Amino acid sequence: MPAPRPNQLYVIISLALVLFLLGLVGLWTFQANYLTKQLQESLDIIVELEEGHTEAQRTELITGITTADFNKPGSRPGFISKQAALEAMGDDLQRDLNDLGLNNPLLDVVTFNVPIAYLQTDSLAAIAANLQAKPGVASVFYQENFVDRIADNARRMGYVLLCLAGLFALVAGLLIHNTVRLSLYANRFTIKTQELVGASWGFISRPYLWKAVGQGIIAGLLAIGGVVGLQFWLQTVLPELNLFAEPLPLAYLYGGILLLGLLINFVSHYVVVRRYLRLRLDDLY
């Protein structure tokens, strides 16, 4: 005799809600990693050129950076002349310099970004030393503390999200286990009667476990649908988040939600059915 339909529906809804919460944690984790990577790779390496550098030296420098391994793939170094830099600082500074009879104190600069693999203190120092030796280069600058600070914050964020995901998983297991136990409570006599007439534990458990698989799939699909729907809504409100920029991690997330739904529901049904099978007949009342 199957469990009452309202209890089955309650199991599916409860599991879907828990999986949805876990999906949000996973989505936040992937998005935080993506934004951290984007922020790290947006770090500008600034190469100041000497006052008397030649155009040939500048062209050679830009070409060398473009073809170097430490240049971010698909990007080209930018050049900012000292006049353009002065104009970007506003008219007030230009007037003050003119009033004082001073020339433009700025230098021409070349800027570029490096891949995330080179965002280490020793790697950046080696790049700076390499460029410093080039003809026409006055100095090389980058925000060293900025890189270390991003890496530390990313690690702390990862630990917090990992603990949060573990807490949700524990709550999910307890909640679904109790829900399944209530769902199968009405079938406890049927389960015990089948055992008493000689049915094996595997034969008795099989229909309940298959039902658990079906419920887990439905709950997982509902949770995935909720996460995807939330992603589409957030993408329309905050398109700069680029929530679908990395499809492979998202595919892992969706697959993990579905697999976790199957695992939690299957294990909960297995434990509850075996518990009723181990009870004595008098304990069922």
C-alpha atoms as a PDB file:
ATOM      1  CA  MET A   1       0.000   0.000   0.000  1.00  0.00           C
ATOM      2  CA  PRO A   2       1.595   3.297  -1.020  1.00  0.00           C
ATOM      3  CA  ALA A   3       2.104   6.135   1.396  1.00  0.00           C
ATOM      4  CA  PRO A   4      -0.592   8.830   1.453  1.00  0.00           C
ATOM      5  CA  ARG A   5      -0.255  11.233  -1.424  1.00  0.00           C
ATOM      6  CA  PRO A   6      -0.023  14.399   0.741  1.00  0.00           C
ATOM      7  CA  ASN A   7       3.011  12.904   2.528  1.00  0.00           C
ATOM      8  CA  GLN A   8       4.733  12.156  -0.781  1.00  0.00           C
ATOM      9  CA  LEU A   9       4.088  15.698  -1.935  1.00  0.00           C
ATOM     10  CA  TYR A  10       5.444  17.014   1.358  1.00  0.00           C
ATOM     11  CA  VAL A  11       8.640  15.003   0.895  1.00  0.00           C
ATOM     12  CA  ILE A  12       9.168  16.396  -2.612  1.00  0.00           C
ATOM     13  CA  ILE A  13       8.464  20.013  -1.615  1.00  0.00           C
ATOM     14  CA  SER A  14      10.644  19.829   1.514  1.00  0.00           C
ATOM     15  CA  LEU A  15      13.530  18.290  -0.406  1.00  0.00           C
ATOM     16  CA  ALA A  16      13.172  20.791  -3.278  1.00  0.00           C
ATOM     17  CA  LEU A  17      13.298  23.743  -0.866  1.00  0.00           C
ATOM     18  CA  VAL A  18      16.418  22.426   0.855  1.00  0.00           C
ATOM     19  CA  LEU A  19      18.102  21.719  -2.498  1.00  0.00           C
ATOM     20  CA  PHE A  20      17.178  25.215  -3.668  1.00  0.00           C
ATOM     21  CA  LEU A  21      18.933  26.711  -0.633  1.00  0.00           C
ATOM     22  CA  LEU A  22      21.991  24.556  -1.279  1.00  0.00           C
ATOM     23  CA  GLY A  23      21.858  25.619  -4.925  1.00  0.00           C
ATOM     24  CA  LEU A  24      21.928  29.267  -3.861  1.00  0.00           C
ATOM     25  CA  VAL A  25      25.025  28.609  -1.765  1.00  0.00           C
ATOM     26  CA  GLY A  26      26.688  26.885  -4.713  1.00  0.00           C
ATOM     27  CA  LEU A  27      25.680  29.670  -7.097  1.00  0.00           C
ATOM     28  CA  TRP A  28      27.085  32.284  -4.737  1.00  0.00           C
ATOM     29  CA  THR A  29      30.315  30.286  -4.459  1.00  0.00           C
ATOM     30  CA  PHE A  30      30.784  30.062  -8.236  1.00  0.00           C
ATOM     31  CA  GLN A  31      29.846  33.705  -8.728  1.00  0.00           C
ATOM     32  CA  ALA A  32      32.209  34.878  -5.978  1.00  0.00           C
ATOM     33  CA  ASN A  33      35.053  32.909  -7.556  1.00  0.00           C
ATOM     34  CA  TYR A  34      34.230  34.345 -10.998  1.00  0.00           C
ATOM     35  CA  LEU A  35      34.075  37.945  -9.756  1.00  0.00           C
ATOM     36  CA  THR A  36      37.273  37.477  -7.739  1.00  0.00           C
ATOM     37  CA  LYS A  37      39.044  36.165 -10.829  1.00  0.00           C
ATOM     38  CA  GLN A  38      37.756  39.079 -12.934  1.00  0.00           C
ATOM     39  CA  LEU A  39      38.868  41.568 -10.298  1.00  0.00           C
ATOM     40  CA  GLN A  40      42.293  39.998 -10.011  1.00  0.00           C
ATOM     41  CA  GLU A  41      42.833  39.971 -13.771  1.00  0.00           C
ATOM     42  CA  SER A  42      41.775  43.635 -14.004  1.00  0.00           C
ATOM     43  CA  LEU A  43      44.824  44.650 -11.973  1.00  0.00           C
ATOM     44  CA  ASP A  44      46.809  47.094 -14.115  1.00  0.00           C
ATOM     45  CA  ILE A  45      50.566  46.818 -14.425  1.00  0.00           C
ATOM     46  CA  ILE A  46      51.783  50.357 -15.144  1.00  0.00           C
ATOM     47  CA  VAL A  47      55.032  50.879 -17.040  1.00  0.00           C
ATOM     48  CA  GLU A  48      56.273  54.470 -16.976  1.00  0.00           C
ATOM     49  CA  LEU A  49      58.437  55.485 -19.920  1.00  0.00           C
ATOM     50  CA  GLU A  50      61.458  57.740 -19.710  1.00  0.00           C
ATOM     51  CA  GLU A  51      61.052  61.353 -20.739  1.00  0.00           C
ATOM     52  CA  GLY A  52      63.351  60.961 -23.721  1.00  0.00           C
ATOM     53  CA  HIS A  53      62.203  57.551 -24.949  1.00  0.00           C
ATOM     54  CA  THR A  54      61.883  57.012 -28.683  1.00  0.00           C
ATOM     55  CA  GLU A  55      58.867  55.781 -30.584  1.00  0.00           C
ATOM     56  CA  ALA A  56      60.855  52.715 -31.648  1.00  0.00           C
ATOM     57  CA  GLN A  57      61.543  51.840 -28.005  1.00  0.00           C
ATOM     58  CA  ARG A  58      57.862  52.239 -27.142  1.00  0.00           C
ATOM     59  CA  THR A  59      56.774  50.083 -30.080  1.00  0.00           C
ATOM     60  CA  GLU A  60      59.285  47.386 -29.178  1.00  0.00           C
ATOM     61  CA  LEU A  61      58.090  47.403 -25.563  1.00  0.00           C
ATOM     62  CA  ILE A  62      54.408  47.092 -26.483  1.00  0.00           C
ATOM     63  CA  THR A  63      55.146  44.330 -28.996  1.00  0.00           C
ATOM     64  CA  GLY A  64      57.212  42.442 -26.428  1.00  0.00           C
ATOM     65  CA  ILE A  65      54.459  42.667 -23.798  1.00  0.00           C
ATOM     66  CA  THR A  66      51.777  41.605 -26.305  1.00  0.00           C
ATOM     67  CA  THR A  67      53.624  38.401 -27.204  1.00  0.00           C
ATOM     68  CA  ALA A  68      54.797  37.619 -23.657  1.00  0.00           C
ATOM     69  CA  ASP A  69      53.339  34.783 -21.604  1.00  0.00           C
ATOM     70  CA  PHE A  70      52.579  37.165 -18.751  1.00  0.00           C
ATOM     71  CA  ASN A  71      50.198  39.256 -20.871  1.00  0.00           C
ATOM     72  CA  LYS A  72      46.510  38.401 -20.401  1.00  0.00           C
ATOM     73  CA  PRO A  73      45.386  36.358 -23.461  1.00  0.00           C
ATOM     74  CA  GLY A  74      43.237  38.301 -25.893  1.00  0.00           C
ATOM     75  CA  SER A  75      44.221  41.699 -24.523  1.00  0.00           C
ATOM     76  CA  ARG A  76      46.594  44.303 -25.893  1.00  0.00           C
ATOM     77  CA  PRO A  77      48.622  46.742 -23.807  1.00  0.00           C
ATOM     78  CA  GLY A  78      47.263  50.265 -23.680  1.00  0.00           C
ATOM     79  CA  PHE A  79      49.250  53.458 -24.163  1.00  0.00           C
ATOM     80  CA  ILE A  80      48.415  56.703 -22.344  1.00  0.00           C
ATOM     81  CA  SER A  81      50.380  59.786 -23.302  1.00  0.00           C
ATOM     82  CA  LYS A  82      51.294  62.249 -20.600  1.00  0.00           C
ATOM     83  CA  GLN A  83      49.127  64.902 -22.240  1.00  0.00           C
ATOM     84  CA  ALA A  84      46.094  62.605 -22.252  1.00  0.00           C
ATOM     85  CA  ALA A  85      46.746  61.734 -18.607  1.00  0.00           C
ATOM     86  CA  LEU A  86      46.935  65.427 -17.670  1.00  0.00           C
ATOM     87  CA  GLU A  87      43.686  66.173 -19.492  1.00  0.00           C
ATOM     88  CA  ALA A  88      41.998  63.306 -17.673  1.00  0.00           C
ATOM     89  CA  MET A  89      42.909  64.913 -14.327  1.00  0.00           C
ATOM     90  CA  GLY A  90      40.842  68.001 -15.114  1.00  0.00           C
ATOM     91  CA  ASP A  91      41.246  71.592 -16.193  1.00  0.00           C
ATOM     92  CA  ASP A  92      42.038  72.855 -12.683  1.00  0.00           C
ATOM     93  CA  LEU A  93      45.355  71.010 -12.547  1.00  0.00           C
ATOM     94  CA  GLN A  94      46.346  72.275 -15.984  1.00  0.00           C
ATOM     95  CA  ARG A  95      45.564  75.865 -14.966  1.00  0.00           C
ATOM     96  CA  ASP A  96      47.544  75.515 -11.732  1.00  0.00           C
ATOM     97  CA  LEU A  97      50.557  74.218 -13.646  1.00  0.00           C
ATOM     98  CA  ASN A  98      50.302  77.066 -16.155  1.00  0.00           C
ATOM     99  CA  ASP A  99      49.989  79.654 -13.365  1.00  0.00           C
ATOM    100  CA  LEU A 100      53.118  78.287 -11.702  1.00  0.00           C
ATOM    101  CA  GLY A 101      54.974  78.104 -14.978  1.00  0.00           C
ATOM    102  CA  LEU A 102      55.527  74.356 -14.649  1.00  0.00           C
ATOM    103  CA  ASN A 103      55.616  71.786 -17.388  1.00  0.00           C
ATOM    104  CA  ASN A 104      53.592  68.590 -17.424  1.00  0.00           C
ATOM    105  CA  PRO A 105      55.201  66.436 -14.670  1.00  0.00           C
ATOM    106  CA  LEU A 106      53.583  63.204 -15.853  1.00  0.00           C
ATOM    107  CA  LEU A 107      55.195  60.536 -18.023  1.00  0.00           C
ATOM    108  CA  ASP A 108      53.900  58.422 -20.890  1.00  0.00           C
ATOM    109  CA  VAL A 109      52.724  55.044 -19.601  1.00  0.00           C
ATOM    110  CA  VAL A 110      51.936  51.601 -20.972  1.00  0.00           C
ATOM    111  CA  THR A 111      49.380  49.499 -19.071  1.00  0.00           C
ATOM    112  CA  PHE A 112      48.538  45.814 -19.350  1.00  0.00           C
ATOM    113  CA  ASN A 113      46.934  42.969 -17.383  1.00  0.00           C
ATOM    114  CA  VAL A 114      48.350  39.580 -16.462  1.00  0.00           C
ATOM    115  CA  PRO A 115      46.623  36.159 -16.235  1.00  0.00           C
ATOM    116  CA  ILE A 116      45.556  34.986 -12.809  1.00  0.00           C
ATOM    117  CA  ALA A 117      48.391  32.434 -12.749  1.00  0.00           C
ATOM    118  CA  TYR A 118      50.906  35.314 -12.591  1.00  0.00           C
ATOM    119  CA  LEU A 119      49.131  37.155  -9.769  1.00  0.00           C
ATOM    120  CA  GLN A 120      51.678  36.079  -7.192  1.00  0.00           C
ATOM    121  CA  THR A 121      54.068  38.416  -5.447  1.00  0.00           C
ATOM    122  CA  ASP A 122      57.187  36.701  -6.782  1.00  0.00           C
ATOM    123  CA  SER A 123      55.789  36.460 -10.338  1.00  0.00           C
ATOM    124  CA  LEU A 124      54.845  40.138 -10.411  1.00  0.00           C
ATOM    125  CA  ALA A 125      58.257  41.102  -9.044  1.00  0.00           C
ATOM    126  CA  ALA A 126      59.965  39.062 -11.790  1.00  0.00           C
ATOM    127  CA  ILE A 127      57.789  40.724 -14.470  1.00  0.00           C
ATOM    128  CA  ALA A 128      58.593  44.168 -13.084  1.00  0.00           C
ATOM    129  CA  ALA A 129      62.323  43.398 -13.048  1.00  0.00           C
ATOM    130  CA  ASN A 130      62.162  42.109 -16.625  1.00  0.00           C
ATOM    131  CA  LEU A 131      60.404  45.232 -17.891  1.00  0.00           C
ATOM    132  CA  GLN A 132      62.594  47.558 -15.850  1.00  0.00           C
ATOM    133  CA  ALA A 133      65.602  46.380 -17.851  1.00  0.00           C
ATOM    134  CA  LYS A 134      63.994  47.331 -21.177  1.00  0.00           C
ATOM    135  CA  PRO A 135      65.335  50.451 -22.925  1.00  0.00           C
ATOM    136  CA  GLY A 136      63.137  53.506 -22.466  1.00  0.00           C
ATOM    137  CA  VAL A 137      61.454  52.223 -19.271  1.00  0.00           C
ATOM    138  CA  ALA A 138      61.636  54.496 -16.217  1.00  0.00           C
ATOM    139  CA  SER A 139      59.753  52.397 -13.635  1.00  0.00           C
ATOM    140  CA  VAL A 140      57.090  49.720 -13.186  1.00  0.00           C
ATOM    141  CA  PHE A 141      54.213  49.913 -10.685  1.00  0.00           C
ATOM    142  CA  TYR A 142      51.450  47.593  -9.477  1.00  0.00           C
ATOM    143  CA  GLN A 143      49.339  47.333  -6.329  1.00  0.00           C
ATOM    144  CA  GLU A 144      51.114  44.519  -4.520  1.00  0.00           C
ATOM    145  CA  ASN A 145      48.915  44.609  -1.410  1.00  0.00           C
ATOM    146  CA  PHE A 146      45.828  44.595  -3.611  1.00  0.00           C
ATOM    147  CA  VAL A 147      46.662  41.134  -4.943  1.00  0.00           C
ATOM    148  CA  ASP A 148      47.362  39.655  -1.517  1.00  0.00           C
ATOM    149  CA  ARG A 149      44.210  41.211  -0.077  1.00  0.00           C
ATOM    150  CA  ILE A 150      42.004  39.728  -2.808  1.00  0.00           C
ATOM    151  CA  ALA A 151      43.530  36.280  -2.326  1.00  0.00           C
ATOM    152  CA  ASP A 152      42.991  36.411   1.460  1.00  0.00           C
ATOM    153  CA  ASN A 153      39.392  37.569   1.096  1.00  0.00           C
ATOM    154  CA  ALA A 154      38.707  34.862  -1.469  1.00  0.00           C
ATOM    155  CA  ARG A 155      40.022  32.189   0.918  1.00  0.00           C
ATOM    156  CA  ARG A 156      37.929  33.509   3.816  1.00  0.00           C
ATOM    157  CA  MET A 157      34.839  33.628   1.606  1.00  0.00           C
ATOM    158  CA  GLY A 158      35.454  30.040   0.535  1.00  0.00           C
ATOM    159  CA  TYR A 159      35.671  28.850   4.155  1.00  0.00           C
ATOM    160  CA  VAL A 160      32.460  30.659   5.115  1.00  0.00           C
ATOM    161  CA  LEU A 161      30.542  29.250   2.152  1.00  0.00           C
ATOM    162  CA  LEU A 162      31.888  25.760   2.806  1.00  0.00           C
ATOM    163  CA  CYS A 163      30.683  25.881   6.411  1.00  0.00           C
ATOM    164  CA  LEU A 164      27.320  27.244   5.285  1.00  0.00           C
ATOM    165  CA  ALA A 165      26.920  24.485   2.700  1.00  0.00           C
ATOM    166  CA  GLY A 166      27.822  21.854   5.316  1.00  0.00           C
ATOM    167  CA  LEU A 167      25.235  23.279   7.715  1.00  0.00           C
ATOM    168  CA  PHE A 168      22.555  23.253   5.023  1.00  0.00           C
ATOM    169  CA  ALA A 169      23.446  19.669   4.095  1.00  0.00           C
ATOM    170  CA  LEU A 170      23.128  18.570   7.734  1.00  0.00           C
ATOM    171  CA  VAL A 171      19.775  20.317   8.132  1.00  0.00           C
ATOM    172  CA  ALA A 172      18.641  18.801   4.827  1.00  0.00           C
ATOM    173  CA  GLY A 173      19.500  15.284   5.944  1.00  0.00           C
ATOM    174  CA  LEU A 174      17.680  15.635   9.271  1.00  0.00           C
ATOM    175  CA  LEU A 175      14.639  17.312   7.750  1.00  0.00           C
ATOM    176  CA  ILE A 176      14.213  14.876   4.892  1.00  0.00           C
ATOM    177  CA  HIS A 177      14.868  11.865   7.150  1.00  0.00           C
ATOM    178  CA  ASN A 178      12.097  12.914   9.551  1.00  0.00           C
ATOM    179  CA  THR A 179       9.764  13.712   6.660  1.00  0.00           C
ATOM    180  CA  VAL A 180      10.364  10.314   5.051  1.00  0.00           C
ATOM    181  CA  ARG A 181       9.874   8.577   8.410  1.00  0.00           C
ATOM    182  CA  LEU A 182       6.463  10.215   8.756  1.00  0.00           C
ATOM    183  CA  SER A 183       5.644   9.419   5.131  1.00  0.00           C
ATOM    184  CA  LEU A 184       6.346   5.694   5.622  1.00  0.00           C
ATOM    185  CA  TYR A 185       4.766   5.477   9.047  1.00  0.00           C
ATOM    186  CA  ALA A 186       1.424   4.355   7.593  1.00  0.00           C
ATOM    187  CA  ASN A 187       3.186   1.510   5.758  1.00  0.00           C
ATOM    188  CA  ARG A 188       5.015   0.085   8.755  1.00  0.00           C
ATOM    189  CA  PHE A 189       2.586  -2.838   9.165  1.00  0.00           C
ATOM    190  CA  THR A 190       2.691  -3.624   5.445  1.00  0.00           C
ATOM    191  CA  ILE A 191       6.491  -3.655   5.540  1.00  0.00           C
ATOM    192  CA  LYS A 192       6.549  -5.962   8.577  1.00  0.00           C
ATOM    193  CA  THR A 193       3.836  -8.261   7.184  1.00  0.00           C
ATOM    194  CA  GLN A 194       5.805  -8.790   3.968  1.00  0.00           C
ATOM    195  CA  GLU A 195       8.815  -9.783   6.036  1.00  0.00           C
ATOM    196  CA  LEU A 196       6.772 -12.215   8.118  1.00  0.00           C
ATOM    197  CA  VAL A 197       5.470 -14.044   5.018  1.00  0.00           C
ATOM    198  CA  GLY A 198       9.031 -14.619   3.806  1.00  0.00           C
ATOM    199  CA  ALA A 199       9.771 -11.663   1.514  1.00  0.00           C
ATOM    200  CA  SER A 200      13.410 -10.640   1.467  1.00  0.00           C
ATOM    201  CA  TRP A 201      14.522  -7.238   2.684  1.00  0.00           C
ATOM    202  CA  GLY A 202      15.651  -6.346  -0.819  1.00  0.00           C
ATOM    203  CA  PHE A 203      12.237  -7.226  -2.278  1.00  0.00           C
ATOM    204  CA  ILE A 204      10.431  -5.179   0.383  1.00  0.00           C
ATOM    205  CA  SER A 205      12.755  -2.179   0.071  1.00  0.00           C
ATOM    206  CA  ARG A 206      12.873  -2.030  -3.735  1.00  0.00           C
ATOM    207  CA  PRO A 207       9.533  -0.233  -4.445  1.00  0.00           C
ATOM    208  CA  TYR A 208      10.196   2.354  -1.739  1.00  0.00           C
ATOM    209  CA  LEU A 209      13.711   2.997  -2.991  1.00  0.00           C
ATOM    210  CA  TRP A 210      12.534   3.386  -6.578  1.00  0.00           C
ATOM    211  CA  LYS A 211       9.917   5.807  -5.331  1.00  0.00           C
ATOM    212  CA  ALA A 212      12.696   7.664  -3.491  1.00  0.00           C
ATOM    213  CA  VAL A 213      14.670   7.932  -6.733  1.00  0.00           C
ATOM    214  CA  GLY A 214      11.649   9.393  -8.535  1.00  0.00           C
ATOM    215  CA  GLN A 215      10.966  11.868  -5.740  1.00  0.00           C
ATOM    216  CA  GLY A 216      14.631  12.877  -5.664  1.00  0.00           C
ATOM    217  CA  ILE A 217      14.657  13.537  -9.416  1.00  0.00           C
ATOM    218  CA  ILE A 218      11.466  15.612  -9.253  1.00  0.00           C
ATOM    219  CA  ALA A 219      12.716  17.602  -6.255  1.00  0.00           C
ATOM    220  CA  GLY A 220      16.099  18.140  -7.914  1.00  0.00           C
ATOM    221  CA  LEU A 221      14.502  19.379 -11.138  1.00  0.00           C
ATOM    222  CA  LEU A 222      12.246  21.741  -9.181  1.00  0.00           C
ATOM    223  CA  ALA A 223      15.260  23.127  -7.292  1.00  0.00           C
ATOM    224  CA  ILE A 224      17.271  23.521 -10.517  1.00  0.00           C
ATOM    225  CA  GLY A 225      14.321  25.307 -12.116  1.00  0.00           C
ATOM    226  CA  GLY A 226      14.178  27.690  -9.159  1.00  0.00           C
ATOM    227  CA  VAL A 227      17.910  28.429  -9.312  1.00  0.00           C
ATOM    228  CA  VAL A 228      17.847  28.966 -13.101  1.00  0.00           C
ATOM    229  CA  GLY A 229      14.785  31.202 -12.802  1.00  0.00           C
ATOM    230  CA  LEU A 230      16.529  33.272 -10.147  1.00  0.00           C
ATOM    231  CA  GLN A 231      19.624  33.521 -12.364  1.00  0.00           C
ATOM    232  CA  PHE A 232      17.594  34.821 -15.311  1.00  0.00           C
ATOM    233  CA  TRP A 233      15.880  37.384 -13.082  1.00  0.00           C
ATOM    234  CA  LEU A 234      19.163  38.582 -11.580  1.00  0.00           C
ATOM    235  CA  GLN A 235      20.724  38.734 -15.046  1.00  0.00           C
ATOM    236  CA  THR A 236      18.003  41.142 -16.205  1.00  0.00           C
ATOM    237  CA  VAL A 237      18.373  43.292 -13.074  1.00  0.00           C
ATOM    238  CA  LEU A 238      22.185  43.130 -12.757  1.00  0.00           C
ATOM    239  CA  PRO A 239      23.606  42.184 -16.177  1.00  0.00           C
ATOM    240  CA  GLU A 240      27.126  43.108 -15.046  1.00  0.00           C
ATOM    241  CA  LEU A 241      27.190  39.970 -12.858  1.00  0.00           C
ATOM    242  CA  ASN A 242      27.477  37.760 -15.994  1.00  0.00           C
ATOM    243  CA  LEU A 243      25.777  34.856 -14.218  1.00  0.00           C
ATOM    244  CA  PHE A 244      25.997  32.607 -17.287  1.00  0.00           C
ATOM    245  CA  ALA A 245      29.579  33.523 -18.229  1.00  0.00           C
ATOM    246  CA  GLU A 246      30.994  30.129 -17.167  1.00  0.00           C
ATOM    247  CA  PRO A 247      28.573  27.347 -18.234  1.00  0.00           C
ATOM    248  CA  LEU A 248      30.741  24.414 -17.126  1.00  0.00           C
ATOM    249  CA  PRO A 249      30.695  25.243 -13.365  1.00  0.00           C
ATOM    250  CA  LEU A 250      26.953  25.860 -13.655  1.00  0.00           C
ATOM    251  CA  ALA A 251      26.503  22.430 -15.251  1.00  0.00           C
ATOM    252  CA  TYR A 252      28.397  20.933 -12.291  1.00  0.00           C
ATOM    253  CA  LEU A 253      26.131  22.868  -9.915  1.00  0.00           C
ATOM    254  CA  TYR A 254      22.922  21.642 -11.570  1.00  0.00           C
ATOM    255  CA  GLY A 255      24.220  18.088 -11.698  1.00  0.00           C
ATOM    256  CA  GLY A 256      25.258  18.299  -8.045  1.00  0.00           C
ATOM    257  CA  ILE A 257      21.792  19.475  -7.012  1.00  0.00           C
ATOM    258  CA  LEU A 258      20.163  16.563  -8.844  1.00  0.00           C
ATOM    259  CA  LEU A 259      22.647  14.025  -7.478  1.00  0.00           C
ATOM    260  CA  LEU A 260      22.308  15.356  -3.940  1.00  0.00           C
ATOM    261  CA  GLY A 261      18.520  15.134  -4.161  1.00  0.00           C
ATOM    262  CA  LEU A 262      18.762  11.506  -5.244  1.00  0.00           C
ATOM    263  CA  LEU A 263      21.325  10.678  -2.549  1.00  0.00           C
ATOM    264  CA  ILE A 264      19.531  12.348   0.365  1.00  0.00           C
ATOM    265  CA  ASN A 265      16.129  10.862  -0.485  1.00  0.00           C
ATOM    266  CA  PHE A 266      17.490   7.389  -1.312  1.00  0.00           C
ATOM    267  CA  VAL A 267      19.529   7.109   1.890  1.00  0.00           C
ATOM    268  CA  SER A 268      16.659   8.435   4.022  1.00  0.00           C
ATOM    269  CA  HIS A 269      14.193   5.903   2.567  1.00  0.00           C
ATOM    270  CA  TYR A 270      16.736   3.092   2.910  1.00  0.00           C
ATOM    271  CA  VAL A 271      17.419   3.858   6.571  1.00  0.00           C
ATOM    272  CA  VAL A 272      13.729   4.226   7.494  1.00  0.00           C
ATOM    273  CA  VAL A 273      12.604   1.035   5.703  1.00  0.00           C
ATOM    274  CA  ARG A 274      15.411  -0.988   7.295  1.00  0.00           C
ATOM    275  CA  ARG A 275      14.517   0.477  10.680  1.00  0.00           C
ATOM    276  CA  TYR A 276      10.931  -0.758  10.393  1.00  0.00           C
ATOM    277  CA  LEU A 277      12.171  -4.150   9.239  1.00  0.00           C
ATOM    278  CA  ARG A 278      14.358  -4.489  12.336  1.00  0.00           C
ATOM    279  CA  LEU A 279      11.560  -3.589  14.768  1.00  0.00           C
ATOM    280  CA  ARG A 280       9.612  -6.265  16.564  1.00  0.00           C
ATOM    281  CA  LEU A 281       5.890  -6.459  15.790  1.00  0.00           C
ATOM    282  CA  ASP A 282       4.953  -5.151  19.248  1.00  0.00           C
ATOM    283  CA  ASP A 283       7.169  -2.069  18.702  1.00  0.00           C
ATOM    284  CA  LEU A 284       5.123  -0.985  15.669  1.00  0.00           C
ATOM    285  CA  TYR A 285       2.148   0.041  17.787  1.00  0.00           C
END
